[in-house]
Amino acid sequence: MFRFQKTLWVVGSACLLLACSGDGQAEGPPCPNCDQVAAIAQDAMATYDLRALILRVTVDDQPVFTEALGESLPGVPATADMKVRNGFVAYSYLTTILLELVDDPRMNVHLSDPLSKYLPDLPRADQITLLMLANSTSGYADYVYRPKVEEALKTDPDRQWSTDELIQIGTSATPMFAPGTNWAYAHTNYAILGEVLEKAAGKPLSDLMAQYIFKPMGLRHTQGSDTPDIPPPVLHTFSTERNGTYEDSTLWNPSWTAPAGALQTSDAADLATSIAAIGSGRLLSSASRDAQVLPHLIGFGHKVGDGSCPACRQNTEAFSFGLAVILQGPWITGNKFFAGSGAAVGYLPQGKVAIAVITTYRPDAFDPNGNVKQDAGQAILSSVAAAMAPDHPLPAPR
């Protein structure tokens, strides 16, 4: 979702002076700021009641800092190669595939295409464009917050959802606003976009991910699966969101989080690699890169006073939406939280700095409603960004 034991401390002393890995071995060019990064990681464990923290920093695609702190399971230390679900990050892959199709004249795909060109039976399909799906201005309701989904997530976390079922739930609900007149994030847009990509390219979405994302980005540890399984090594996650009991949530079914073919697991290395690839636009034409990561929506959108659209908001310089990327000042970011597992990524084009933060939480991190009291991933991302690029700060978390 887009929102989202005694700890064993493991740190490599070489991190204080050089680019390093979690075992203290130098692994890249010197990093004079990495002593600050190591201190941020250590402090974060206690500050945010973290069970585990995996942190990766690269500069110009070269790793300068990789660290894993805490534990996965009792007595099992977290390691930097452990895998988690990538959630919202996969949405940025969907929009990247869309733009790669736009860049290929043989495909005859355009951001201005009406949805009716591909899925004519959906409500308002003739009024909604592919761009509106990609930048979340379609007005479709978010299926995640419909009672049928909300209640099922609490009572049956193992339920398998189909993409068509989720789309039907989202599109049959009262729209949040008329197409193109406001902004509100909705998972429904990306469930639909996944099916559009399959129609446009004539291939399953999983094949498109392999062809357009995994191979050209060089993602060696990212893979899709429409089952709850996670390939080893696994970073176990825990949550209290279901019934207030702190429980292992690692294998809760993720089928509601993304369209079939975009349910993926990844590690910190691939998360950093992919946000750098997206931020630099190396897979796209300059026009498509600008469409994806420039803040075209600043000033667009507004809150709705009658409560009919709690997700509606204005895009600002500190927080605006690209095509499934979050634009925070000069940084291109993404953030996911699901079943006690958080992941935040950020890329600064000016310095070619990429950061990936993976977090899991101890019991005291959750409030009585099962929500984390503070999004540690976003806060750590901001702190590391300030250490690595003090002249280009990432705006404070909302």
Protein backbone atom coordinates (compact mmCIF):
# COMPACT_ATOMS: atom_id res chain seq x y z
CA MET A 1 0.00 0.00 0.00
CA PHE A 2 1.12 3.56 -0.61
CA ARG A 3 1.49 4.59 2.97
CA PHE A 4 2.65 0.95 3.12
CA GLN A 5 12.77 -9.52 20.86
CA LYS A 6 15.98 -8.03 21.52
CA THR A 7 17.64 -6.52 18.51
CA LEU A 8 21.00 -7.85 17.40
CA TRP A 9 23.22 -4.95 16.37
CA VAL A 10 25.65 -5.58 13.54
CA VAL A 11 27.95 -2.88 12.23
CA GLY A 12 31.18 -2.82 10.27
CA SER A 13 33.74 -0.48 11.79
CA ALA A 14 35.28 0.25 8.39
CA CYS A 15 32.05 2.05 7.50
CA LEU A 16 33.25 4.99 9.54
CA LEU A 17 35.96 5.88 7.05
CA LEU A 18 35.38 4.17 3.72
CA ALA A 19 32.69 2.93 1.43
CA CYS A 20 31.73 -0.36 2.99
CA SER A 21 29.48 -3.34 3.22
CA GLY A 22 27.81 -4.71 6.31
CA ASP A 23 30.78 -6.97 6.99
CA GLY A 24 33.09 -3.99 7.11
CA GLN A 25 34.76 -4.62 3.75
CA ALA A 26 35.45 -1.73 1.40
CA GLU A 27 33.31 -2.11 -1.74
CA GLY A 28 33.49 1.08 -3.77
CA PRO A 29 35.09 4.51 -4.09
CA PRO A 30 35.88 6.43 -0.89
CA CYS A 31 32.85 8.01 0.76
CA PRO A 32 33.84 10.85 3.12
CA ASN A 33 30.23 11.28 4.26
CA CYS A 34 29.60 7.64 5.11
CA ASP A 35 30.64 8.03 8.73
CA GLN A 36 27.53 10.20 9.10
CA VAL A 37 25.45 7.62 7.26
CA ALA A 38 26.64 4.87 9.60
CA ALA A 39 25.73 7.01 12.61
CA ILE A 40 22.27 7.73 11.16
CA ALA A 41 21.66 4.01 10.72
CA GLN A 42 22.75 3.20 14.28
CA ASP A 43 20.62 5.96 15.80
CA ALA A 44 17.57 4.98 13.72
CA MET A 45 17.40 1.51 15.25
CA ALA A 46 16.50 2.90 18.66
CA THR A 47 14.74 6.07 17.55
CA TYR A 48 12.14 4.24 15.46
CA ASP A 49 12.00 0.91 17.33
CA LEU A 50 13.31 -0.93 14.30
CA ARG A 51 13.64 -4.67 14.21
CA ALA A 52 15.85 -4.49 11.11
CA LEU A 53 17.32 -1.83 8.84
CA ILE A 54 18.98 -2.41 5.48
CA LEU A 55 20.56 0.66 3.91
CA ARG A 56 22.21 1.04 0.51
CA VAL A 57 23.83 4.17 -1.01
CA THR A 58 25.32 4.45 -4.49
CA VAL A 59 26.97 7.33 -6.33
CA ASP A 60 26.99 7.22 -10.12
CA ASP A 61 25.80 3.58 -9.86
CA GLN A 62 28.79 2.60 -7.69
CA PRO A 63 27.99 1.30 -4.18
CA VAL A 64 29.56 3.40 -1.44
CA PHE A 65 27.63 2.17 1.61
CA THR A 66 25.71 -1.02 2.34
CA GLU A 67 24.66 -2.00 5.84
CA ALA A 68 22.27 -4.39 7.55
CA LEU A 69 21.36 -3.94 11.22
CA GLY A 70 19.11 -5.88 13.56
CA GLU A 71 17.49 -9.24 12.98
CA SER A 72 15.10 -10.99 10.64
CA LEU A 73 13.97 -13.71 13.05
CA PRO A 74 15.03 -14.15 16.68
CA GLY A 75 18.73 -14.97 16.59
CA VAL A 76 18.94 -14.55 12.79
CA PRO A 77 20.77 -11.33 11.85
CA ALA A 78 19.47 -9.26 8.95
CA THR A 79 21.78 -9.33 5.93
CA ALA A 80 22.05 -6.86 3.07
CA ASP A 81 20.92 -9.41 0.47
CA MET A 82 17.61 -10.22 2.18
CA LYS A 83 14.52 -9.73 0.03
CA VAL A 84 11.25 -7.91 0.65
CA ARG A 85 8.21 -6.98 -1.43
CA ASN A 86 8.83 -3.81 -3.44
CA GLY A 87 5.21 -2.61 -3.55
CA PHE A 88 4.86 0.93 -4.90
CA VAL A 89 8.29 0.72 -6.57
CA ALA A 90 6.76 -1.68 -9.09
CA TYR A 91 4.28 1.05 -10.04
CA SER A 92 7.20 3.15 -11.28
CA TYR A 93 8.15 0.14 -13.42
CA LEU A 94 4.63 0.15 -14.90
CA THR A 95 4.92 3.79 -15.96
CA THR A 96 8.44 3.19 -17.28
CA ILE A 97 7.11 0.38 -19.49
CA LEU A 98 4.31 2.68 -20.63
CA LEU A 99 6.83 5.33 -21.66
CA GLU A 100 9.05 2.78 -23.40
CA LEU A 101 6.02 1.80 -25.48
CA VAL A 102 5.35 5.49 -26.18
CA ASP A 103 8.95 5.85 -27.38
CA ASP A 104 8.53 2.94 -29.81
CA PRO A 105 6.62 4.23 -32.87
CA ARG A 106 5.70 0.66 -33.82
CA MET A 107 3.48 0.40 -30.74
CA ASN A 108 1.29 3.44 -31.52
CA VAL A 109 0.88 4.21 -27.81
CA HIS A 110 0.44 7.79 -26.58
CA LEU A 111 -0.08 9.30 -23.14
CA SER A 112 -3.07 11.14 -24.60
CA ASP A 113 -4.77 7.88 -25.66
CA PRO A 114 -8.19 7.45 -24.07
CA LEU A 115 -8.57 4.41 -21.86
CA SER A 116 -11.41 3.33 -24.15
CA LYS A 117 -8.82 2.46 -26.81
CA TYR A 118 -7.79 -0.50 -24.64
CA LEU A 119 -10.54 -1.16 -22.07
CA PRO A 120 -13.71 0.39 -23.49
CA ASP A 121 -16.07 -1.25 -20.99
CA LEU A 122 -14.70 0.56 -17.93
CA PRO A 123 -16.71 3.52 -16.57
CA ARG A 124 -15.65 6.91 -17.99
CA ALA A 125 -13.09 5.17 -20.22
CA ASP A 126 -13.67 7.72 -22.97
CA GLN A 127 -12.88 10.61 -20.60
CA ILE A 128 -9.75 9.18 -18.95
CA THR A 129 -6.36 9.14 -20.65
CA LEU A 130 -3.34 6.94 -20.02
CA LEU A 131 -1.61 9.98 -18.56
CA MET A 132 -4.41 10.35 -15.99
CA LEU A 133 -3.91 6.75 -14.93
CA ALA A 134 -0.15 7.21 -14.69
CA ASN A 135 -0.25 10.44 -12.65
CA SER A 136 -3.32 9.50 -10.56
CA THR A 137 -5.67 12.20 -11.83
CA SER A 138 -8.32 9.84 -13.24
CA GLY A 139 -10.71 10.25 -10.31
CA TYR A 140 -11.25 6.51 -9.87
CA ALA A 141 -11.84 5.52 -6.25
CA ASP A 142 -9.08 3.60 -4.50
CA TYR A 143 -10.19 -0.02 -4.13
CA VAL A 144 -7.95 -0.43 -1.06
CA TYR A 145 -10.27 1.74 1.03
CA ARG A 146 -13.52 0.15 -0.05
CA PRO A 147 -15.16 -1.83 2.78
CA LYS A 148 -14.96 -5.15 0.93
CA VAL A 149 -11.17 -4.91 0.72
CA GLU A 150 -10.50 -3.23 4.05
CA GLU A 151 -12.47 -5.79 6.00
CA ALA A 152 -10.97 -8.75 4.16
CA LEU A 153 -7.42 -7.57 4.77
CA LYS A 154 -8.04 -7.75 8.51
CA THR A 155 -9.93 -11.03 8.61
CA ASP A 156 -8.29 -13.01 5.81
CA PRO A 157 -4.74 -11.84 4.97
CA ASP A 158 -4.22 -15.00 2.91
CA ARG A 159 -6.99 -14.20 0.44
CA GLN A 160 -6.06 -14.27 -3.23
CA TRP A 161 -7.43 -11.28 -5.17
CA SER A 162 -7.66 -11.08 -8.95
CA THR A 163 -6.78 -7.89 -10.78
CA ASP A 164 -10.17 -7.84 -12.49
CA GLU A 165 -11.90 -8.10 -9.10
CA LEU A 166 -9.92 -5.17 -7.70
CA ILE A 167 -10.58 -3.05 -10.78
CA GLN A 168 -14.30 -3.77 -10.54
CA ILE A 169 -14.35 -2.72 -6.88
CA GLY A 170 -12.52 0.53 -7.62
CA THR A 171 -14.35 1.55 -10.78
CA SER A 172 -17.84 0.70 -9.50
CA ALA A 173 -17.46 3.04 -6.51
CA THR A 174 -18.43 6.70 -6.68
CA PRO A 175 -15.59 8.59 -8.40
CA MET A 176 -13.52 10.91 -6.23
CA PHE A 177 -13.73 13.68 -8.86
CA ALA A 178 -14.25 14.25 -12.58
CA PRO A 179 -11.33 13.01 -14.71
CA GLY A 180 -8.42 15.42 -14.79
CA THR A 181 -9.86 17.92 -12.30
CA ASN A 182 -8.00 16.96 -9.10
CA TRP A 183 -5.27 14.69 -7.73
CA ALA A 184 -5.60 11.72 -5.38
CA TYR A 185 -3.46 8.61 -5.26
CA ALA A 186 -5.40 5.41 -6.04
CA HIS A 187 -4.18 1.84 -6.47
CA THR A 188 -7.02 1.36 -8.96
CA ASN A 189 -5.15 3.41 -11.57
CA TYR A 190 -2.21 1.01 -11.62
CA ALA A 191 -4.29 -2.14 -11.62
CA ILE A 192 -5.93 -0.76 -14.77
CA LEU A 193 -2.60 0.38 -16.23
CA GLY A 194 -1.22 -3.14 -15.90
CA GLU A 195 -4.04 -4.47 -18.07
CA VAL A 196 -3.59 -1.61 -20.56
CA LEU A 197 0.07 -2.51 -21.01
CA GLU A 198 -0.83 -6.13 -21.73
CA LYS A 199 -3.38 -5.03 -24.34
CA ALA A 200 -1.01 -2.54 -25.95
CA ALA A 201 2.00 -4.86 -26.15
CA GLY A 202 0.16 -8.15 -26.59
CA LYS A 203 2.16 -9.88 -23.84
CA PRO A 204 1.63 -10.81 -20.20
CA LEU A 205 2.75 -8.14 -17.77
CA SER A 206 5.32 -10.49 -16.24
CA ASP A 207 6.98 -10.84 -19.65
CA LEU A 208 6.96 -7.06 -20.11
CA MET A 209 8.66 -6.62 -16.74
CA ALA A 210 11.44 -8.99 -17.78
CA GLN A 211 11.85 -7.39 -21.22
CA TYR A 212 11.56 -3.70 -20.36
CA ILE A 213 12.66 -3.50 -16.72
CA PHE A 214 14.60 -6.37 -15.16
CA LYS A 215 17.03 -7.03 -18.03
CA PRO A 216 17.78 -3.46 -19.20
CA MET A 217 18.11 -2.15 -15.63
CA GLY A 218 20.33 -5.06 -14.65
CA LEU A 219 18.15 -6.11 -11.71
CA ARG A 220 19.69 -9.40 -10.59
CA HIS A 221 17.67 -10.00 -7.44
CA THR A 222 14.19 -8.81 -8.42
CA GLN A 223 11.57 -11.25 -9.58
CA GLY A 224 7.84 -11.47 -9.93
CA SER A 225 5.52 -14.02 -8.41
CA ASP A 226 1.75 -14.09 -8.11
CA THR A 227 1.99 -16.20 -4.94
CA PRO A 228 2.93 -15.03 -1.43
CA ASP A 229 6.27 -16.84 -1.61
CA ILE A 230 9.50 -14.84 -1.27
CA PRO A 231 12.76 -16.36 -2.52
CA PRO A 232 15.52 -16.70 0.09
CA PRO A 233 17.15 -15.04 1.86
CA VAL A 234 13.99 -13.47 3.29
CA LEU A 235 13.72 -10.50 5.63
CA HIS A 236 10.86 -11.50 7.92
CA THR A 237 8.33 -8.82 8.78
CA PHE A 238 5.99 -8.40 11.73
CA SER A 239 2.88 -6.29 12.26
CA THR A 240 0.10 -5.56 14.75
CA GLU A 241 -2.31 -4.14 12.18
CA ARG A 242 -4.71 -7.09 12.04
CA ASN A 243 -5.80 -7.54 15.63
CA GLY A 244 -3.28 -5.76 17.81
CA THR A 245 -1.17 -8.89 18.19
CA TYR A 246 2.44 -8.71 17.04
CA GLU A 247 2.63 -11.49 14.45
CA ASP A 248 4.77 -12.66 11.56
CA SER A 249 3.28 -11.04 8.45
CA THR A 250 5.96 -12.07 5.96
CA LEU A 251 3.73 -14.32 3.87
CA TRP A 252 0.48 -12.35 3.99
CA ASN A 253 -0.92 -12.47 0.47
CA PRO A 254 0.15 -9.36 -1.50
CA SER A 255 -2.29 -9.92 -4.37
CA TRP A 256 -4.28 -6.77 -3.49
CA THR A 257 -1.22 -4.49 -3.69
CA ALA A 258 -0.54 -4.56 -7.45
CA PRO A 259 -1.81 -6.08 -10.68
CA ALA A 260 -0.90 -9.68 -11.47
CA GLY A 261 2.51 -9.60 -13.11
CA ALA A 262 3.69 -6.67 -10.99
CA LEU A 263 3.86 -8.47 -7.63
CA GLN A 264 7.57 -8.57 -6.94
CA THR A 265 10.31 -9.10 -4.40
CA SER A 266 13.63 -7.29 -4.41
CA ASP A 267 16.65 -6.37 -2.31
CA ALA A 268 18.27 -3.07 -1.38
CA ALA A 269 20.84 -3.26 -4.17
CA ASP A 270 18.20 -3.59 -6.89
CA LEU A 271 16.01 -0.93 -5.28
CA ALA A 272 18.89 1.55 -5.45
CA THR A 273 19.76 0.48 -9.01
CA SER A 274 16.21 0.90 -10.26
CA ILE A 275 15.55 4.35 -8.74
CA ALA A 276 18.83 5.51 -10.30
CA ALA A 277 17.77 4.12 -13.68
CA ILE A 278 14.38 5.82 -13.44
CA GLY A 279 15.77 9.10 -12.14
CA SER A 280 18.42 9.29 -14.83
CA GLY A 281 15.94 8.25 -17.52
CA ARG A 282 18.49 5.99 -19.17
CA LEU A 283 15.80 3.70 -20.60
CA LEU A 284 13.74 6.55 -22.07
CA SER A 285 13.86 9.39 -24.53
CA SER A 286 14.49 12.79 -22.95
CA ALA A 287 10.83 13.73 -23.50
CA SER A 288 9.57 10.59 -21.77
CA ARG A 289 12.04 10.97 -18.91
CA ASP A 290 10.80 14.54 -18.40
CA ALA A 291 7.19 13.32 -18.47
CA GLN A 292 7.94 10.79 -15.74
CA VAL A 293 10.11 12.72 -13.28
CA LEU A 294 9.60 16.46 -13.75
CA PRO A 295 7.11 18.11 -11.36
CA HIS A 296 4.41 19.01 -13.87
CA LEU A 297 1.67 18.88 -11.22
CA ILE A 298 3.03 21.54 -8.86
CA GLY A 299 0.07 23.77 -7.97
CA PHE A 300 -2.45 21.25 -9.30
CA GLY A 301 -5.05 19.59 -7.11
CA HIS A 302 -6.93 20.74 -4.02
CA LYS A 303 -8.40 19.46 -0.80
CA VAL A 304 -12.14 18.81 -0.74
CA GLY A 305 -13.87 20.35 2.26
CA ASP A 306 -16.91 18.08 2.39
CA GLY A 307 -14.87 14.97 3.18
CA SER A 308 -15.80 13.20 -0.05
CA CYS A 309 -12.16 12.91 -1.11
CA PRO A 310 -9.82 12.64 1.88
CA ALA A 311 -6.95 11.66 -0.43
CA CYS A 312 -7.28 14.79 -2.58
CA ARG A 313 -4.51 17.32 -2.14
CA GLN A 314 -2.49 20.01 -3.88
CA ASN A 315 0.89 19.13 -5.33
CA THR A 316 3.69 21.32 -4.01
CA GLU A 317 7.41 21.72 -4.59
CA ALA A 318 8.05 19.71 -1.43
CA PHE A 319 5.74 16.86 -2.46
CA SER A 320 4.37 16.36 -5.95
CA PHE A 321 3.56 13.35 -8.09
CA GLY A 322 5.19 12.37 -11.36
CA LEU A 323 4.28 9.19 -13.21
CA ALA A 324 4.25 6.86 -10.19
CA VAL A 325 7.23 8.58 -8.61
CA ILE A 326 7.15 11.07 -5.73
CA LEU A 327 9.01 14.32 -6.36
CA GLN A 328 10.38 15.95 -3.22
CA GLY A 329 12.35 19.08 -4.01
CA PRO A 330 15.30 17.95 -6.20
CA TRP A 331 14.86 14.28 -5.22
CA ILE A 332 12.96 11.57 -7.11
CA THR A 333 11.57 9.15 -4.54
CA GLY A 334 9.23 6.28 -3.82
CA ASN A 335 7.88 4.80 -0.61
CA LYS A 336 5.97 1.63 0.24
CA PHE A 337 4.59 0.12 3.42
CA PHE A 338 2.92 -3.27 3.57
CA ALA A 339 2.37 -5.71 6.43
CA GLY A 340 5.04 -4.18 8.65
CA SER A 341 7.60 -3.88 5.85
CA GLY A 342 8.73 -0.48 4.63
CA ALA A 343 10.93 0.52 1.71
CA ALA A 344 11.92 4.04 0.68
CA VAL A 345 14.08 4.99 -2.29
CA GLY A 346 15.47 8.28 -3.51
CA TYR A 347 17.63 9.62 -6.35
CA LEU A 348 19.32 13.01 -6.74
CA PRO A 349 20.12 13.72 -10.41
CA GLN A 350 22.56 16.53 -9.55
CA GLY A 351 24.91 14.19 -7.68
CA LYS A 352 23.78 10.85 -9.10
CA VAL A 353 23.14 9.70 -5.54
CA ALA A 354 20.74 6.78 -5.00
CA ILE A 355 19.50 5.61 -1.60
CA ALA A 356 17.45 2.56 -0.63
CA VAL A 357 16.09 2.04 2.90
CA ILE A 358 14.34 -1.15 4.04
CA THR A 359 12.75 -1.26 7.50
CA THR A 360 10.92 -3.68 9.77
CA TYR A 361 9.59 -2.84 13.22
CA ARG A 362 9.49 -3.97 16.83
CA PRO A 363 6.19 -4.04 18.76
CA ASP A 364 6.57 -0.59 20.33
CA ALA A 365 6.74 1.03 16.89
CA PHE A 366 3.00 0.45 16.33
CA ASP A 367 0.12 2.50 17.71
CA PRO A 368 -3.08 0.87 19.09
CA ASN A 369 -4.59 0.84 15.58
CA GLY A 370 -1.70 -1.15 14.14
CA ASN A 371 -0.12 1.76 12.28
CA VAL A 372 3.56 2.61 12.66
CA LYS A 373 3.91 5.74 14.75
CA GLN A 374 6.42 7.22 12.31
CA ASP A 375 7.47 6.22 8.82
CA ALA A 376 11.09 5.47 9.61
CA GLY A 377 12.01 4.81 5.98
CA GLN A 378 11.10 8.31 4.85
CA ALA A 379 12.81 9.90 7.87
CA ILE A 380 16.01 7.88 7.36
CA LEU A 381 15.95 8.69 3.65
CA SER A 382 15.83 12.41 4.49
CA SER A 383 18.68 12.14 6.99
CA VAL A 384 20.92 10.15 4.65
CA ALA A 385 20.13 12.55 1.80
CA ALA A 386 21.26 15.46 3.99
CA ALA A 387 24.51 13.65 4.79
CA MET A 388 25.27 12.70 1.20
CA ALA A 389 24.11 15.94 -0.48
CA PRO A 390 23.91 18.76 2.10
CA ASP A 391 23.39 21.37 -0.64
CA HIS A 392 20.34 19.50 -1.99
CA PRO A 393 18.19 18.55 1.00
CA LEU A 394 15.16 16.33 0.71
CA PRO A 395 12.17 18.13 2.24
CA ALA A 396 11.15 16.95 5.69
CA PRO A 397 8.62 14.08 5.79
CA ARG A 398 4.96 15.05 5.81
